[in-house]
Amino acid sequence: MAAQADLNRIDQLAERQDGVMTRGQLLAHSATSDWITRQVRGRRWTRLFPGVYLTHTGRPEWRSKARAALLYAGRGAVLSHSSAAYRHRLVDRPGQRIEVLVPHGRTVRRQPGLTIRSSRSIPPSWGALPATNPADTLLDLLHRRGTTEDDVIALLNRAVRVGVDLEEIRRRSQARGRLRHRGLLGEMLTAAAEGVESPLELRYRRIERAHGLPVARLQAREVVDGLYLRADCRYVRLALRVELDGQVAHRNGTTDADVWRDNVVGVAAQELTLRYRWRHVTVTPCAVARQVALALLSKGWTGRPRPCGPECDVAKLPECQAA
């Protein structure tokens, strides 16, 4: 190594790059091949990819590995798919591999822990750690083989919570020739604008529409008897609430807090609470519709429920039989 000034510049550049530098960058700052080799052999540095080094000891953090992958892939490379999703907080955990998108025509040798894809049109990158923008990242994940309806709903709800622009998702989706789950995505974008926050809420919304029930206000917030409450679905003028308890959220069933909240609502607010689990909403939606309709009618609803088919439980209601 030539001079302390060069060492300082290397340290400054490494700090800006999450502790990672390429051989080319090091040589440009007067490092020699022998000096670089000594840092690796002495275990002061770690070789993450060919010609890319972590310039300190210890286990590399995800961000350093992602930066190393981008430097290895070359100019114009961006994080994509699960790596970009983690970067944008669309998922809580990074994938097992770093996923990178490079310009079409570039050949990048395969490396352990690294997935390289190429594209003729790389979406605009985002942030100091280049990644496909949040809207395109979401669409990339939705288009993956094996993505379920629940995955689509959960991802879009997460996108709403972290502030991804829904109209940008809509625009970017319309620009794609092929896209799995396009119909569901359109439905979810509309539902998200209405306040739907979970897969279970979307399914309940479908029950309302399929059976001619009034549309509940979602995630209604208020203070009742000194308690701050939030109802999943509330028919405000009809004194009826519907709470949706997913099995993931409440593995052991209704919690003590839920029971107390239902009691407060019944006593202080004079409102009835109906509570449904995942199985009720997904397996027996017509039975749920019938029970909600009965509750609404008992509270003064003047509408008329609508069976979704000849075998629908709602068809058994006197109001439907009279029609």
C-alpha atoms as a PDB file:
ATOM      1  CA  MET A   1       0.000   0.000   0.000  1.00  0.00           C
ATOM      2  CA  ALA A   2       1.410   3.357  -1.007  1.00  0.00           C
ATOM      3  CA  ALA A   3       0.215   6.010   1.439  1.00  0.00           C
ATOM      4  CA  GLN A   4      -1.987   6.694   4.428  1.00  0.00           C
ATOM      5  CA  ALA A   5      -4.033   9.083   2.270  1.00  0.00           C
ATOM      6  CA  ASP A   6      -4.965   6.176  -0.004  1.00  0.00           C
ATOM      7  CA  LEU A   7      -5.998   4.087   2.998  1.00  0.00           C
ATOM      8  CA  ASN A   8      -8.222   6.904   4.168  1.00  0.00           C
ATOM      9  CA  ARG A   9      -9.902   7.171   0.758  1.00  0.00           C
ATOM     10  CA  ILE A  10     -10.463   3.415   0.695  1.00  0.00           C
ATOM     11  CA  ASP A  11     -12.060   3.557   4.143  1.00  0.00           C
ATOM     12  CA  GLN A  12     -14.303   6.450   3.087  1.00  0.00           C
ATOM     13  CA  LEU A  13     -15.470   4.697  -0.069  1.00  0.00           C
ATOM     14  CA  ALA A  14     -16.029   1.420   1.766  1.00  0.00           C
ATOM     15  CA  GLU A  15     -18.169   3.227   4.331  1.00  0.00           C
ATOM     16  CA  ARG A  16     -20.367   4.653   1.563  1.00  0.00           C
ATOM     17  CA  GLN A  17     -20.703   1.168   0.067  1.00  0.00           C
ATOM     18  CA  ASP A  18     -21.747  -0.735   3.189  1.00  0.00           C
ATOM     19  CA  GLY A  19     -18.189  -1.909   3.859  1.00  0.00           C
ATOM     20  CA  VAL A  20     -17.776  -3.444   0.397  1.00  0.00           C
ATOM     21  CA  MET A  21     -15.309  -2.657  -2.413  1.00  0.00           C
ATOM     22  CA  THR A  22     -14.271  -4.180  -5.714  1.00  0.00           C
ATOM     23  CA  ARG A  23     -10.758  -5.087  -6.783  1.00  0.00           C
ATOM     24  CA  GLY A  24     -10.975  -2.435  -9.488  1.00  0.00           C
ATOM     25  CA  GLN A  25     -11.867   0.266  -6.972  1.00  0.00           C
ATOM     26  CA  LEU A  26      -9.011  -0.777  -4.701  1.00  0.00           C
ATOM     27  CA  LEU A  27      -6.462  -0.765  -7.517  1.00  0.00           C
ATOM     28  CA  ALA A  28      -7.712   2.691  -8.553  1.00  0.00           C
ATOM     29  CA  HIS A  29      -6.844   3.865  -5.033  1.00  0.00           C
ATOM     30  CA  SER A  30      -3.247   2.645  -5.301  1.00  0.00           C
ATOM     31  CA  ALA A  31      -3.771  -0.743  -3.656  1.00  0.00           C
ATOM     32  CA  THR A  32      -1.716  -3.632  -5.046  1.00  0.00           C
ATOM     33  CA  SER A  33      -2.837  -7.177  -5.789  1.00  0.00           C
ATOM     34  CA  ASP A  34      -0.415  -8.532  -3.194  1.00  0.00           C
ATOM     35  CA  TRP A  35      -1.776  -6.174  -0.520  1.00  0.00           C
ATOM     36  CA  ILE A  36      -5.366  -7.184  -1.291  1.00  0.00           C
ATOM     37  CA  THR A  37      -4.402 -10.872  -1.111  1.00  0.00           C
ATOM     38  CA  ARG A  38      -2.770 -10.334   2.291  1.00  0.00           C
ATOM     39  CA  GLN A  39      -5.955  -8.730   3.685  1.00  0.00           C
ATOM     40  CA  VAL A  40      -7.979 -11.795   2.658  1.00  0.00           C
ATOM     41  CA  ARG A  41      -5.433 -14.397   3.766  1.00  0.00           C
ATOM     42  CA  GLY A  42      -4.998 -12.618   7.073  1.00  0.00           C
ATOM     43  CA  ARG A  43      -8.791 -12.777   7.519  1.00  0.00           C
ATOM     44  CA  ARG A  44      -9.024  -9.031   7.904  1.00  0.00           C
ATOM     45  CA  TRP A  45     -11.257  -9.002   4.812  1.00  0.00           C
ATOM     46  CA  THR A  46     -13.776 -11.480   3.387  1.00  0.00           C
ATOM     47  CA  ARG A  47     -14.215 -12.312  -0.298  1.00  0.00           C
ATOM     48  CA  LEU A  48     -17.979 -12.205  -0.913  1.00  0.00           C
ATOM     49  CA  PHE A  49     -17.908 -12.644  -4.699  1.00  0.00           C
ATOM     50  CA  PRO A  50     -15.050 -12.826  -7.204  1.00  0.00           C
ATOM     51  CA  GLY A  51     -13.319  -9.476  -7.058  1.00  0.00           C
ATOM     52  CA  VAL A  52     -15.620  -8.108  -4.348  1.00  0.00           C
ATOM     53  CA  TYR A  53     -14.527  -7.845  -0.726  1.00  0.00           C
ATOM     54  CA  LEU A  54     -15.998  -7.034   2.668  1.00  0.00           C
ATOM     55  CA  THR A  55     -13.366  -4.757   4.185  1.00  0.00           C
ATOM     56  CA  HIS A  56     -13.820  -5.763   7.819  1.00  0.00           C
ATOM     57  CA  THR A  57     -14.066  -8.879   9.911  1.00  0.00           C
ATOM     58  CA  GLY A  58     -17.263 -10.444  11.165  1.00  0.00           C
ATOM     59  CA  ARG A  59     -20.385 -11.832   9.574  1.00  0.00           C
ATOM     60  CA  PRO A  60     -21.586  -9.653   6.679  1.00  0.00           C
ATOM     61  CA  GLU A  61     -24.979  -8.026   7.123  1.00  0.00           C
ATOM     62  CA  TRP A  62     -27.632  -8.482   4.460  1.00  0.00           C
ATOM     63  CA  ARG A  63     -27.119  -4.975   3.128  1.00  0.00           C
ATOM     64  CA  SER A  64     -23.399  -5.627   2.612  1.00  0.00           C
ATOM     65  CA  LYS A  65     -24.145  -8.870   0.752  1.00  0.00           C
ATOM     66  CA  ALA A  66     -26.695  -7.057  -1.403  1.00  0.00           C
ATOM     67  CA  ARG A  67     -24.211  -4.288  -2.185  1.00  0.00           C
ATOM     68  CA  ALA A  68     -21.556  -6.880  -3.039  1.00  0.00           C
ATOM     69  CA  ALA A  69     -23.972  -8.612  -5.420  1.00  0.00           C
ATOM     70  CA  LEU A  70     -24.699  -5.343  -7.213  1.00  0.00           C
ATOM     71  CA  LEU A  71     -21.014  -4.492  -7.547  1.00  0.00           C
ATOM     72  CA  TYR A  72     -20.285  -7.969  -8.850  1.00  0.00           C
ATOM     73  CA  ALA A  73     -23.150  -7.777 -11.383  1.00  0.00           C
ATOM     74  CA  GLY A  74     -21.880  -4.464 -12.746  1.00  0.00           C
ATOM     75  CA  ARG A  75     -23.178  -1.073 -13.799  1.00  0.00           C
ATOM     76  CA  GLY A  76     -26.953  -0.798 -14.126  1.00  0.00           C
ATOM     77  CA  ALA A  77     -27.695  -3.802 -11.923  1.00  0.00           C
ATOM     78  CA  VAL A  78     -30.540  -3.486  -9.403  1.00  0.00           C
ATOM     79  CA  LEU A  79     -31.971  -5.644  -6.648  1.00  0.00           C
ATOM     80  CA  SER A  80     -35.176  -7.389  -7.674  1.00  0.00           C
ATOM     81  CA  HIS A  81     -37.930  -9.727  -6.469  1.00  0.00           C
ATOM     82  CA  SER A  82     -37.477 -10.876  -2.850  1.00  0.00           C
ATOM     83  CA  SER A  83     -34.339  -8.762  -2.332  1.00  0.00           C
ATOM     84  CA  ALA A  84     -36.039  -5.598  -3.570  1.00  0.00           C
ATOM     85  CA  ALA A  85     -39.130  -6.512  -1.535  1.00  0.00           C
ATOM     86  CA  TYR A  86     -37.033  -6.709   1.627  1.00  0.00           C
ATOM     87  CA  ARG A  87     -35.376  -3.428   0.701  1.00  0.00           C
ATOM     88  CA  HIS A  88     -38.811  -1.779   0.406  1.00  0.00           C
ATOM     89  CA  ARG A  89     -40.185  -3.444   3.598  1.00  0.00           C
ATOM     90  CA  LEU A  90     -42.771  -5.400   1.611  1.00  0.00           C
ATOM     91  CA  VAL A  91     -41.580  -8.546   3.415  1.00  0.00           C
ATOM     92  CA  ASP A  92     -40.061  -9.019   6.863  1.00  0.00           C
ATOM     93  CA  ARG A  93     -37.254 -11.363   5.882  1.00  0.00           C
ATOM     94  CA  PRO A  94     -34.881 -11.475   2.920  1.00  0.00           C
ATOM     95  CA  GLY A  95     -34.869 -14.528   0.717  1.00  0.00           C
ATOM     96  CA  GLN A  96     -32.138 -17.125   0.980  1.00  0.00           C
ATOM     97  CA  ARG A  97     -30.529 -15.721  -2.181  1.00  0.00           C
ATOM     98  CA  ILE A  98     -29.740 -12.207  -3.331  1.00  0.00           C
ATOM     99  CA  GLU A  99     -31.769 -11.520  -6.489  1.00  0.00           C
ATOM    100  CA  VAL A 100     -30.387  -9.075  -9.035  1.00  0.00           C
ATOM    101  CA  LEU A 101     -31.611  -7.788 -12.391  1.00  0.00           C
ATOM    102  CA  VAL A 102     -29.024  -6.819 -15.041  1.00  0.00           C
ATOM    103  CA  PRO A 103     -29.316  -5.248 -18.520  1.00  0.00           C
ATOM    104  CA  HIS A 104     -30.107  -7.704 -21.317  1.00  0.00           C
ATOM    105  CA  GLY A 105     -27.041  -9.139 -23.035  1.00  0.00           C
ATOM    106  CA  ARG A 106     -24.774  -9.046 -20.012  1.00  0.00           C
ATOM    107  CA  THR A 107     -23.278 -12.365 -18.921  1.00  0.00           C
ATOM    108  CA  VAL A 108     -22.670 -12.760 -15.203  1.00  0.00           C
ATOM    109  CA  ARG A 109     -21.226 -16.022 -13.920  1.00  0.00           C
ATOM    110  CA  ARG A 110     -23.364 -17.871 -11.406  1.00  0.00           C
ATOM    111  CA  GLN A 111     -22.326 -17.676  -7.783  1.00  0.00           C
ATOM    112  CA  PRO A 112     -23.583 -19.393  -4.614  1.00  0.00           C
ATOM    113  CA  GLY A 113     -26.376 -17.408  -2.970  1.00  0.00           C
ATOM    114  CA  LEU A 114     -26.932 -15.207  -6.019  1.00  0.00           C
ATOM    115  CA  THR A 115     -29.712 -15.230  -8.647  1.00  0.00           C
ATOM    116  CA  ILE A 116     -29.169 -13.160 -11.776  1.00  0.00           C
ATOM    117  CA  ARG A 117     -31.925 -12.234 -14.239  1.00  0.00           C
ATOM    118  CA  SER A 118     -31.690 -10.013 -17.289  1.00  0.00           C
ATOM    119  CA  SER A 119     -34.199  -7.615 -18.822  1.00  0.00           C
ATOM    120  CA  ARG A 120     -34.384  -5.415 -21.905  1.00  0.00           C
ATOM    121  CA  SER A 121     -36.290  -2.852 -19.856  1.00  0.00           C
ATOM    122  CA  ILE A 122     -35.196  -2.491 -16.249  1.00  0.00           C
ATOM    123  CA  PRO A 123     -37.756  -0.508 -14.215  1.00  0.00           C
ATOM    124  CA  PRO A 124     -36.587   2.764 -12.671  1.00  0.00           C
ATOM    125  CA  SER A 125     -34.424   2.056  -9.627  1.00  0.00           C
ATOM    126  CA  TRP A 126     -35.112   3.386  -6.173  1.00  0.00           C
ATOM    127  CA  GLY A 127     -32.937   4.513  -3.272  1.00  0.00           C
ATOM    128  CA  ALA A 128     -29.244   4.541  -2.395  1.00  0.00           C
ATOM    129  CA  LEU A 129     -29.131   0.739  -2.656  1.00  0.00           C
ATOM    130  CA  PRO A 130     -30.448   0.361  -6.224  1.00  0.00           C
ATOM    131  CA  ALA A 131     -33.574  -1.775  -6.458  1.00  0.00           C
ATOM    132  CA  THR A 132     -36.574  -2.047  -8.735  1.00  0.00           C
ATOM    133  CA  ASN A 133     -39.143   0.513  -7.619  1.00  0.00           C
ATOM    134  CA  PRO A 134     -41.752  -0.611  -5.031  1.00  0.00           C
ATOM    135  CA  ALA A 135     -44.648  -0.929  -7.508  1.00  0.00           C
ATOM    136  CA  ASP A 136     -42.701  -3.099  -9.973  1.00  0.00           C
ATOM    137  CA  THR A 137     -41.247  -5.130  -7.134  1.00  0.00           C
ATOM    138  CA  LEU A 138     -44.752  -5.930  -5.915  1.00  0.00           C
ATOM    139  CA  LEU A 139     -45.835  -6.970  -9.417  1.00  0.00           C
ATOM    140  CA  ASP A 140     -42.750  -9.173  -9.820  1.00  0.00           C
ATOM    141  CA  LEU A 141     -43.663 -11.044  -6.649  1.00  0.00           C
ATOM    142  CA  LEU A 142     -47.306 -11.427  -7.672  1.00  0.00           C
ATOM    143  CA  HIS A 143     -46.277 -12.849 -11.041  1.00  0.00           C
ATOM    144  CA  ARG A 144     -44.156 -15.601  -9.511  1.00  0.00           C
ATOM    145  CA  ARG A 145     -45.330 -19.157 -10.057  1.00  0.00           C
ATOM    146  CA  GLY A 146     -46.973 -20.589  -6.958  1.00  0.00           C
ATOM    147  CA  THR A 147     -48.170 -17.252  -5.593  1.00  0.00           C
ATOM    148  CA  THR A 148     -51.561 -17.835  -3.980  1.00  0.00           C
ATOM    149  CA  GLU A 149     -54.559 -15.558  -3.644  1.00  0.00           C
ATOM    150  CA  ASP A 150     -53.737 -15.027   0.020  1.00  0.00           C
ATOM    151  CA  ASP A 151     -50.170 -14.055  -0.948  1.00  0.00           C
ATOM    152  CA  VAL A 152     -51.539 -11.424  -3.325  1.00  0.00           C
ATOM    153  CA  ILE A 153     -53.856  -9.979  -0.697  1.00  0.00           C
ATOM    154  CA  ALA A 154     -51.207  -9.961   2.027  1.00  0.00           C
ATOM    155  CA  LEU A 155     -48.594  -8.326  -0.214  1.00  0.00           C
ATOM    156  CA  LEU A 156     -50.891  -5.563  -1.382  1.00  0.00           C
ATOM    157  CA  ASN A 157     -52.063  -4.859   2.160  1.00  0.00           C
ATOM    158  CA  ARG A 158     -48.439  -4.656   3.254  1.00  0.00           C
ATOM    159  CA  ALA A 159     -47.727  -2.269   0.365  1.00  0.00           C
ATOM    160  CA  VAL A 160     -50.522  -0.003   1.571  1.00  0.00           C
ATOM    161  CA  ARG A 161     -49.114   0.015   5.116  1.00  0.00           C
ATOM    162  CA  VAL A 162     -45.609   0.992   3.978  1.00  0.00           C
ATOM    163  CA  GLY A 163     -46.935   3.743   1.713  1.00  0.00           C
ATOM    164  CA  VAL A 164     -46.617   2.376  -1.826  1.00  0.00           C
ATOM    165  CA  ASP A 165     -48.647   4.469  -4.282  1.00  0.00           C
ATOM    166  CA  LEU A 166     -51.709   2.421  -5.318  1.00  0.00           C
ATOM    167  CA  GLU A 167     -52.183   4.370  -8.536  1.00  0.00           C
ATOM    168  CA  GLU A 168     -48.562   3.673  -9.463  1.00  0.00           C
ATOM    169  CA  ILE A 169     -49.210  -0.049  -8.953  1.00  0.00           C
ATOM    170  CA  ARG A 170     -52.259   0.232 -11.197  1.00  0.00           C
ATOM    171  CA  ARG A 171     -50.329   2.099 -13.905  1.00  0.00           C
ATOM    172  CA  ARG A 172     -47.392  -0.282 -13.840  1.00  0.00           C
ATOM    173  CA  SER A 173     -49.688  -3.320 -13.956  1.00  0.00           C
ATOM    174  CA  GLN A 174     -51.502  -1.969 -17.018  1.00  0.00           C
ATOM    175  CA  ALA A 175     -48.153  -1.574 -18.789  1.00  0.00           C
ATOM    176  CA  ARG A 176     -47.365  -5.288 -18.403  1.00  0.00           C
ATOM    177  CA  GLY A 177     -48.425  -7.669 -21.123  1.00  0.00           C
ATOM    178  CA  ARG A 178     -48.497 -10.718 -18.866  1.00  0.00           C
ATOM    179  CA  LEU A 179     -49.352 -10.669 -15.182  1.00  0.00           C
ATOM    180  CA  ARG A 180     -50.666 -13.439 -12.963  1.00  0.00           C
ATOM    181  CA  HIS A 181     -53.581 -12.559 -10.682  1.00  0.00           C
ATOM    182  CA  ARG A 182     -54.409  -9.433 -12.719  1.00  0.00           C
ATOM    183  CA  GLY A 183     -58.136  -9.676 -11.903  1.00  0.00           C
ATOM    184  CA  LEU A 184     -57.539 -10.153  -8.183  1.00  0.00           C
ATOM    185  CA  LEU A 185     -55.050  -7.292  -8.157  1.00  0.00           C
ATOM    186  CA  GLY A 186     -57.652  -4.958  -9.660  1.00  0.00           C
ATOM    187  CA  GLU A 187     -60.197  -6.081  -7.084  1.00  0.00           C
ATOM    188  CA  MET A 188     -57.684  -5.577  -4.286  1.00  0.00           C
ATOM    189  CA  LEU A 189     -56.703  -2.097  -5.434  1.00  0.00           C
ATOM    190  CA  THR A 190     -60.368  -1.114  -5.217  1.00  0.00           C
ATOM    191  CA  ALA A 191     -60.745  -2.844  -1.845  1.00  0.00           C
ATOM    192  CA  ALA A 192     -57.619  -1.152  -0.484  1.00  0.00           C
ATOM    193  CA  ALA A 193     -59.146   2.226  -1.322  1.00  0.00           C
ATOM    194  CA  GLU A 194     -62.155   1.166   0.778  1.00  0.00           C
ATOM    195  CA  GLY A 195     -59.973   0.340   3.782  1.00  0.00           C
ATOM    196  CA  VAL A 196     -59.626  -3.443   3.490  1.00  0.00           C
ATOM    197  CA  GLU A 197     -56.596  -4.452   5.564  1.00  0.00           C
ATOM    198  CA  SER A 198     -56.503  -8.244   5.527  1.00  0.00           C
ATOM    199  CA  PRO A 199     -57.346 -11.306   3.414  1.00  0.00           C
ATOM    200  CA  LEU A 200     -60.211 -12.078   5.785  1.00  0.00           C
ATOM    201  CA  GLU A 201     -61.696  -8.600   5.347  1.00  0.00           C
ATOM    202  CA  LEU A 202     -61.615  -8.973   1.571  1.00  0.00           C
ATOM    203  CA  ARG A 203     -63.468 -12.273   1.794  1.00  0.00           C
ATOM    204  CA  TYR A 204     -66.052 -10.732   4.108  1.00  0.00           C
ATOM    205  CA  ARG A 205     -66.497  -7.871   1.627  1.00  0.00           C
ATOM    206  CA  ARG A 206     -67.233 -10.504  -1.018  1.00  0.00           C
ATOM    207  CA  ILE A 207     -69.873 -12.057   1.243  1.00  0.00           C
ATOM    208  CA  GLU A 208     -71.609  -8.686   1.563  1.00  0.00           C
ATOM    209  CA  ARG A 209     -71.643  -8.090  -2.185  1.00  0.00           C
ATOM    210  CA  ALA A 210     -72.672 -11.624  -3.136  1.00  0.00           C
ATOM    211  CA  HIS A 211     -75.647 -11.580  -0.755  1.00  0.00           C
ATOM    212  CA  GLY A 212     -76.947  -8.035  -1.132  1.00  0.00           C
ATOM    213  CA  LEU A 213     -75.937  -6.954   2.385  1.00  0.00           C
ATOM    214  CA  PRO A 214     -75.197  -3.332   3.218  1.00  0.00           C
ATOM    215  CA  VAL A 215     -71.536  -2.311   3.143  1.00  0.00           C
ATOM    216  CA  ALA A 216     -69.972  -2.074   6.580  1.00  0.00           C
ATOM    217  CA  ARG A 217     -67.550   0.620   7.596  1.00  0.00           C
ATOM    218  CA  LEU A 218     -64.127  -1.008   7.976  1.00  0.00           C
ATOM    219  CA  GLN A 219     -61.685  -0.417  10.838  1.00  0.00           C
ATOM    220  CA  ALA A 220     -64.025   1.985  12.619  1.00  0.00           C
ATOM    221  CA  ARG A 221     -62.264   3.692  15.530  1.00  0.00           C
ATOM    222  CA  GLU A 222     -63.908   5.176  18.617  1.00  0.00           C
ATOM    223  CA  VAL A 223     -63.754   5.469  22.398  1.00  0.00           C
ATOM    224  CA  VAL A 224     -66.394   3.510  24.364  1.00  0.00           C
ATOM    225  CA  ASP A 225     -66.553   3.597  28.163  1.00  0.00           C
ATOM    226  CA  GLY A 226     -62.983   4.891  28.313  1.00  0.00           C
ATOM    227  CA  LEU A 227     -61.602   2.203  25.975  1.00  0.00           C
ATOM    228  CA  TYR A 228     -60.067   2.931  22.580  1.00  0.00           C
ATOM    229  CA  LEU A 229     -61.748   0.437  20.235  1.00  0.00           C
ATOM    230  CA  ARG A 230     -61.442  -0.470  16.590  1.00  0.00           C
ATOM    231  CA  ALA A 231     -64.118  -2.585  14.930  1.00  0.00           C
ATOM    232  CA  ASP A 232     -63.191  -4.668  11.889  1.00  0.00           C
ATOM    233  CA  CYS A 233     -66.619  -4.090  10.317  1.00  0.00           C
ATOM    234  CA  ARG A 234     -69.298  -1.813  11.723  1.00  0.00           C
ATOM    235  CA  TYR A 235     -72.831  -1.154  10.494  1.00  0.00           C
ATOM    236  CA  VAL A 236     -72.976   2.180  12.233  1.00  0.00           C
ATOM    237  CA  ARG A 237     -76.698   3.035  11.967  1.00  0.00           C
ATOM    238  CA  LEU A 238     -77.781  -0.517  12.706  1.00  0.00           C
ATOM    239  CA  ALA A 239     -75.834  -1.039  15.949  1.00  0.00           C
ATOM    240  CA  LEU A 240     -74.055  -4.137  14.642  1.00  0.00           C
ATOM    241  CA  ARG A 241     -70.370  -5.025  14.562  1.00  0.00           C
ATOM    242  CA  VAL A 242     -68.579  -7.912  12.902  1.00  0.00           C
ATOM    243  CA  GLU A 243     -65.153  -8.939  14.202  1.00  0.00           C
ATOM    244  CA  LEU A 244     -62.956 -11.178  12.053  1.00  0.00           C
ATOM    245  CA  ASP A 245     -60.430 -13.323  13.900  1.00  0.00           C
ATOM    246  CA  GLY A 246     -57.821 -15.006  11.690  1.00  0.00           C
ATOM    247  CA  GLN A 247     -56.204 -18.137  13.114  1.00  0.00           C
ATOM    248  CA  VAL A 248     -52.750 -16.666  12.620  1.00  0.00           C
ATOM    249  CA  ALA A 249     -53.651 -13.647  14.717  1.00  0.00           C
ATOM    250  CA  HIS A 250     -55.373 -15.617  17.497  1.00  0.00           C
ATOM    251  CA  ARG A 251     -54.017 -19.166  17.582  1.00  0.00           C
ATOM    252  CA  ASN A 252     -55.792 -19.993  20.800  1.00  0.00           C
ATOM    253  CA  GLY A 253     -59.139 -18.483  19.926  1.00  0.00           C
ATOM    254  CA  THR A 254     -60.783 -15.332  21.207  1.00  0.00           C
ATOM    255  CA  THR A 255     -58.592 -13.467  23.683  1.00  0.00           C
ATOM    256  CA  ASP A 256     -59.607 -12.032  27.058  1.00  0.00           C
ATOM    257  CA  ALA A 257     -59.329  -8.550  25.562  1.00  0.00           C
ATOM    258  CA  ASP A 258     -61.755  -9.495  22.779  1.00  0.00           C
ATOM    259  CA  VAL A 259     -64.313 -10.795  25.270  1.00  0.00           C
ATOM    260  CA  TRP A 260     -64.053  -7.642  27.383  1.00  0.00           C
ATOM    261  CA  ARG A 261     -64.368  -5.433  24.328  1.00  0.00           C
ATOM    262  CA  ASP A 262     -67.503  -7.278  23.194  1.00  0.00           C
ATOM    263  CA  ASN A 263     -69.021  -6.811  26.638  1.00  0.00           C
ATOM    264  CA  VAL A 264     -68.224  -3.087  26.662  1.00  0.00           C
ATOM    265  CA  VAL A 265     -69.810  -2.655  23.233  1.00  0.00           C
ATOM    266  CA  GLY A 266     -72.918  -4.559  24.289  1.00  0.00           C
ATOM    267  CA  VAL A 267     -73.392  -2.736  27.591  1.00  0.00           C
ATOM    268  CA  ALA A 268     -72.173   0.798  26.920  1.00  0.00           C
ATOM    269  CA  ALA A 269     -72.901   1.157  23.210  1.00  0.00           C
ATOM    270  CA  GLN A 270     -75.933  -1.138  23.014  1.00  0.00           C
ATOM    271  CA  GLU A 271     -74.476  -2.805  19.932  1.00  0.00           C
ATOM    272  CA  LEU A 272     -74.418  -6.471  18.978  1.00  0.00           C
ATOM    273  CA  THR A 273     -71.072  -8.057  18.060  1.00  0.00           C
ATOM    274  CA  LEU A 274     -70.827 -11.066  15.758  1.00  0.00           C
ATOM    275  CA  ARG A 275     -67.423 -12.753  15.707  1.00  0.00           C
ATOM    276  CA  TYR A 276     -66.211 -15.042  12.918  1.00  0.00           C
ATOM    277  CA  ARG A 277     -63.083 -17.116  12.442  1.00  0.00           C
ATOM    278  CA  TRP A 278     -61.232 -17.876   9.230  1.00  0.00           C
ATOM    279  CA  ARG A 279     -63.138 -21.136   8.697  1.00  0.00           C
ATOM    280  CA  HIS A 280     -66.531 -19.442   9.001  1.00  0.00           C
ATOM    281  CA  VAL A 281     -65.744 -16.842   6.346  1.00  0.00           C
ATOM    282  CA  THR A 282     -63.936 -19.101   3.879  1.00  0.00           C
ATOM    283  CA  VAL A 283     -65.763 -22.429   4.277  1.00  0.00           C
ATOM    284  CA  THR A 284     -69.326 -21.393   5.190  1.00  0.00           C
ATOM    285  CA  PRO A 285     -69.761 -17.888   3.707  1.00  0.00           C
ATOM    286  CA  CYS A 286     -73.482 -18.355   3.028  1.00  0.00           C
ATOM    287  CA  ALA A 287     -74.130 -19.318   6.652  1.00  0.00           C
ATOM    288  CA  VAL A 288     -72.261 -16.181   7.727  1.00  0.00           C
ATOM    289  CA  ALA A 289     -74.343 -14.095   5.314  1.00  0.00           C
ATOM    290  CA  ARG A 290     -77.573 -15.576   6.708  1.00  0.00           C
ATOM    291  CA  GLN A 291     -76.605 -14.850  10.312  1.00  0.00           C
ATOM    292  CA  VAL A 292     -75.484 -11.298   9.524  1.00  0.00           C
ATOM    293  CA  ALA A 293     -78.693 -10.713   7.581  1.00  0.00           C
ATOM    294  CA  LEU A 294     -80.779 -11.933  10.525  1.00  0.00           C
ATOM    295  CA  ALA A 295     -78.903  -9.599  12.855  1.00  0.00           C
ATOM    296  CA  LEU A 296     -79.310  -6.650  10.491  1.00  0.00           C
ATOM    297  CA  LEU A 297     -83.039  -7.315  10.062  1.00  0.00           C
ATOM    298  CA  SER A 298     -83.464  -7.520  13.831  1.00  0.00           C
ATOM    299  CA  LYS A 299     -81.774  -4.116  14.103  1.00  0.00           C
ATOM    300  CA  GLY A 300     -84.152  -2.475  11.649  1.00  0.00           C
ATOM    301  CA  TRP A 301     -82.520  -2.976   8.283  1.00  0.00           C
ATOM    302  CA  THR A 302     -85.155  -2.500   5.605  1.00  0.00           C
ATOM    303  CA  GLY A 303     -83.206  -4.050   2.772  1.00  0.00           C
ATOM    304  CA  ARG A 304     -83.611  -7.543   1.349  1.00  0.00           C
ATOM    305  CA  PRO A 305     -80.804 -10.112   1.380  1.00  0.00           C
ATOM    306  CA  ARG A 306     -80.063 -11.940  -1.878  1.00  0.00           C
ATOM    307  CA  PRO A 307     -79.153 -15.649  -2.180  1.00  0.00           C
ATOM    308  CA  CYS A 308     -75.989 -16.220  -4.208  1.00  0.00           C
ATOM    309  CA  GLY A 309     -77.392 -19.488  -5.585  1.00  0.00           C
ATOM    310  CA  PRO A 310     -80.174 -22.060  -5.211  1.00  0.00           C
ATOM    311  CA  GLU A 311     -78.437 -23.825  -2.293  1.00  0.00           C
ATOM    312  CA  CYS A 312     -77.487 -20.618  -0.449  1.00  0.00           C
ATOM    313  CA  ASP A 313     -78.441 -20.475   3.237  1.00  0.00           C
ATOM    314  CA  VAL A 314     -79.801 -16.968   2.709  1.00  0.00           C
ATOM    315  CA  ALA A 315     -82.569 -18.474   0.548  1.00  0.00           C
ATOM    316  CA  LYS A 316     -84.003 -20.025   3.723  1.00  0.00           C
ATOM    317  CA  LEU A 317     -84.805 -16.617   5.223  1.00  0.00           C
ATOM    318  CA  PRO A 318     -88.527 -15.744   5.264  1.00  0.00           C
ATOM    319  CA  GLU A 319     -87.799 -12.450   3.521  1.00  0.00           C
ATOM    320  CA  CYS A 320     -86.286 -14.288   0.556  1.00  0.00           C
ATOM    321  CA  GLN A 321     -88.994 -16.939   0.438  1.00  0.00           C
ATOM    322  CA  ALA A 322     -91.656 -14.254   0.393  1.00  0.00           C
ATOM    323  CA  ALA A 323     -89.966 -12.644  -2.579  1.00  0.00           C
END
